[in-house]
Amino acid sequence: KRPRRPHARPALDAAVMLESAGRLPPFTAFGTDLEAEGALARVASQIAYQRELIIVCSDAAPTASASNALNTVLQLRALGLHHVLFLSDSPASCLSMRGALPGIACVWSSRL
């Protein structure tokens, strides 16, 4: 006879522990170029949750890849995972993504 585990739902508990909805500070680094001095550290301090950061990368061109990236962010948010950073190719792309999803944490890189 196998001994019973005292805690039978570790996967569910782990998922709940990673829910960042409502637990993050305001994101004030919207539209920041990550190549600027100190930008990555400032952005990470605002969006990381329990030392985890989910990065989704795309531009805002009206293509399937941009739609898929936005859908990925929406799906993650539906799961309570709000510590998602959208990395784009320009400030204009961030503004376009904000139009589609207000509150998106979007930054860009001048190296892309």
Protein backbone atom coordinates (compact mmCIF):
# COMPACT_ATOMS: atom_id res chain seq x y z
CA LYS A 1 0.00 0.00 0.00
CA ARG A 2 1.39 3.40 -1.00
CA PRO A 3 1.58 6.12 1.60
CA ARG A 4 -0.65 9.09 0.87
CA ARG A 5 0.97 12.37 0.08
CA PRO A 6 0.02 15.09 2.52
CA HIS A 7 -0.37 17.52 -0.36
CA ALA A 8 -1.82 16.00 -3.52
CA ARG A 9 -2.03 19.06 -5.81
CA PRO A 10 1.47 20.52 -6.15
CA ALA A 11 1.01 21.60 -9.78
CA LEU A 12 -2.13 23.56 -8.94
CA ASP A 13 -0.49 25.19 -5.93
CA ALA A 14 2.55 26.15 -8.01
CA ALA A 15 0.30 27.77 -10.63
CA VAL A 16 -1.49 29.80 -7.97
CA MET A 17 1.84 30.91 -6.51
CA LEU A 18 2.83 32.36 -9.88
CA GLU A 19 -0.34 34.40 -10.31
CA SER A 20 0.81 37.98 -10.43
CA ALA A 21 -2.51 39.67 -11.19
CA GLY A 22 -2.96 42.56 -8.78
CA ARG A 23 0.45 41.99 -7.18
CA LEU A 24 2.69 44.15 -9.38
CA PRO A 25 3.63 47.80 -8.95
CA PRO A 26 2.42 50.26 -11.60
CA PHE A 27 4.36 49.87 -14.84
CA THR A 28 5.80 53.30 -15.61
CA ALA A 29 8.49 52.20 -18.08
CA PHE A 30 6.13 51.90 -21.05
CA GLY A 31 7.88 52.62 -24.34
CA THR A 32 11.38 52.50 -22.83
CA ASP A 33 14.33 51.58 -25.05
CA LEU A 34 15.97 48.65 -23.25
CA GLU A 35 19.35 49.73 -24.61
CA ALA A 36 19.31 52.88 -22.45
CA GLU A 37 21.56 52.84 -19.39
CA GLY A 38 19.83 51.06 -16.49
CA ALA A 39 16.63 50.48 -18.45
CA LEU A 40 16.57 46.71 -18.18
CA ALA A 41 17.00 46.76 -14.39
CA ARG A 42 14.27 49.42 -14.01
CA VAL A 43 11.87 47.52 -16.27
CA ALA A 44 12.55 44.19 -14.55
CA SER A 45 11.99 45.71 -11.11
CA GLN A 46 8.51 46.80 -12.20
CA ILE A 47 7.30 43.72 -14.08
CA ALA A 48 9.13 40.69 -12.61
CA TYR A 49 7.19 38.60 -10.12
CA GLN A 50 9.01 36.26 -7.75
CA ARG A 51 12.13 36.76 -9.87
CA GLU A 52 10.29 35.59 -13.00
CA LEU A 53 9.68 37.56 -16.16
CA ILE A 54 7.78 36.33 -19.21
CA ILE A 55 8.93 37.99 -22.45
CA VAL A 56 6.84 38.03 -25.62
CA CYS A 57 8.53 39.55 -28.65
CA SER A 58 6.92 40.94 -31.81
CA ASP A 59 6.30 44.12 -33.74
CA ALA A 60 2.91 45.73 -34.30
CA ALA A 61 2.67 45.00 -38.02
CA PRO A 62 -0.75 43.70 -39.01
CA THR A 63 0.50 40.16 -39.53
CA ALA A 64 -0.18 36.81 -38.00
CA SER A 65 2.92 37.00 -35.79
CA ALA A 66 1.78 40.22 -34.11
CA SER A 67 -1.72 38.78 -33.63
CA ASN A 68 -0.29 35.58 -32.20
CA ALA A 69 1.95 37.52 -29.81
CA LEU A 70 -0.97 39.64 -28.61
CA ASN A 71 -3.09 36.50 -28.21
CA THR A 72 -0.28 34.94 -26.15
CA VAL A 73 -0.30 37.94 -23.81
CA LEU A 74 -4.09 37.74 -23.49
CA GLN A 75 -3.96 34.01 -22.71
CA LEU A 76 -1.27 34.53 -20.07
CA ARG A 77 -3.30 37.31 -18.48
CA ALA A 78 -6.37 35.05 -18.43
CA LEU A 79 -4.28 32.63 -16.36
CA GLY A 80 -3.44 35.41 -13.90
CA LEU A 81 0.09 35.81 -15.22
CA HIS A 82 0.52 39.57 -15.58
CA HIS A 83 4.32 39.63 -15.29
CA VAL A 84 4.58 39.65 -19.08
CA LEU A 85 6.88 42.06 -20.87
CA PHE A 86 6.13 42.74 -24.52
CA LEU A 87 9.38 43.47 -26.36
CA SER A 88 8.94 45.31 -29.64
CA ASP A 89 10.99 47.01 -32.33
CA SER A 90 9.94 50.65 -31.85
CA PRO A 91 8.05 53.09 -29.63
CA ALA A 92 5.37 53.27 -32.35
CA SER A 93 4.85 49.52 -32.08
CA CYS A 94 4.37 49.85 -28.33
CA LEU A 95 1.76 52.56 -28.85
CA SER A 96 -0.03 50.38 -31.39
CA MET A 97 -0.05 47.41 -29.01
CA ARG A 98 -1.36 49.64 -26.22
CA GLY A 99 -4.25 50.52 -28.49
CA ALA A 100 -5.08 46.83 -28.78
CA LEU A 101 -4.46 46.02 -25.12
CA PRO A 102 -4.47 48.94 -22.68
CA GLY A 103 -2.19 48.23 -19.76
CA ILE A 104 0.29 46.15 -21.75
CA ALA A 105 3.85 46.42 -20.43
CA CYS A 106 5.65 47.18 -23.68
CA VAL A 107 9.25 48.20 -24.23
CA TRP A 108 11.41 48.22 -27.31
CA SER A 109 15.01 47.70 -28.28
CA SER A 110 16.95 49.87 -30.69
CA ARG A 111 19.03 46.77 -31.46
CA LEU A 112 16.12 44.91 -33.05
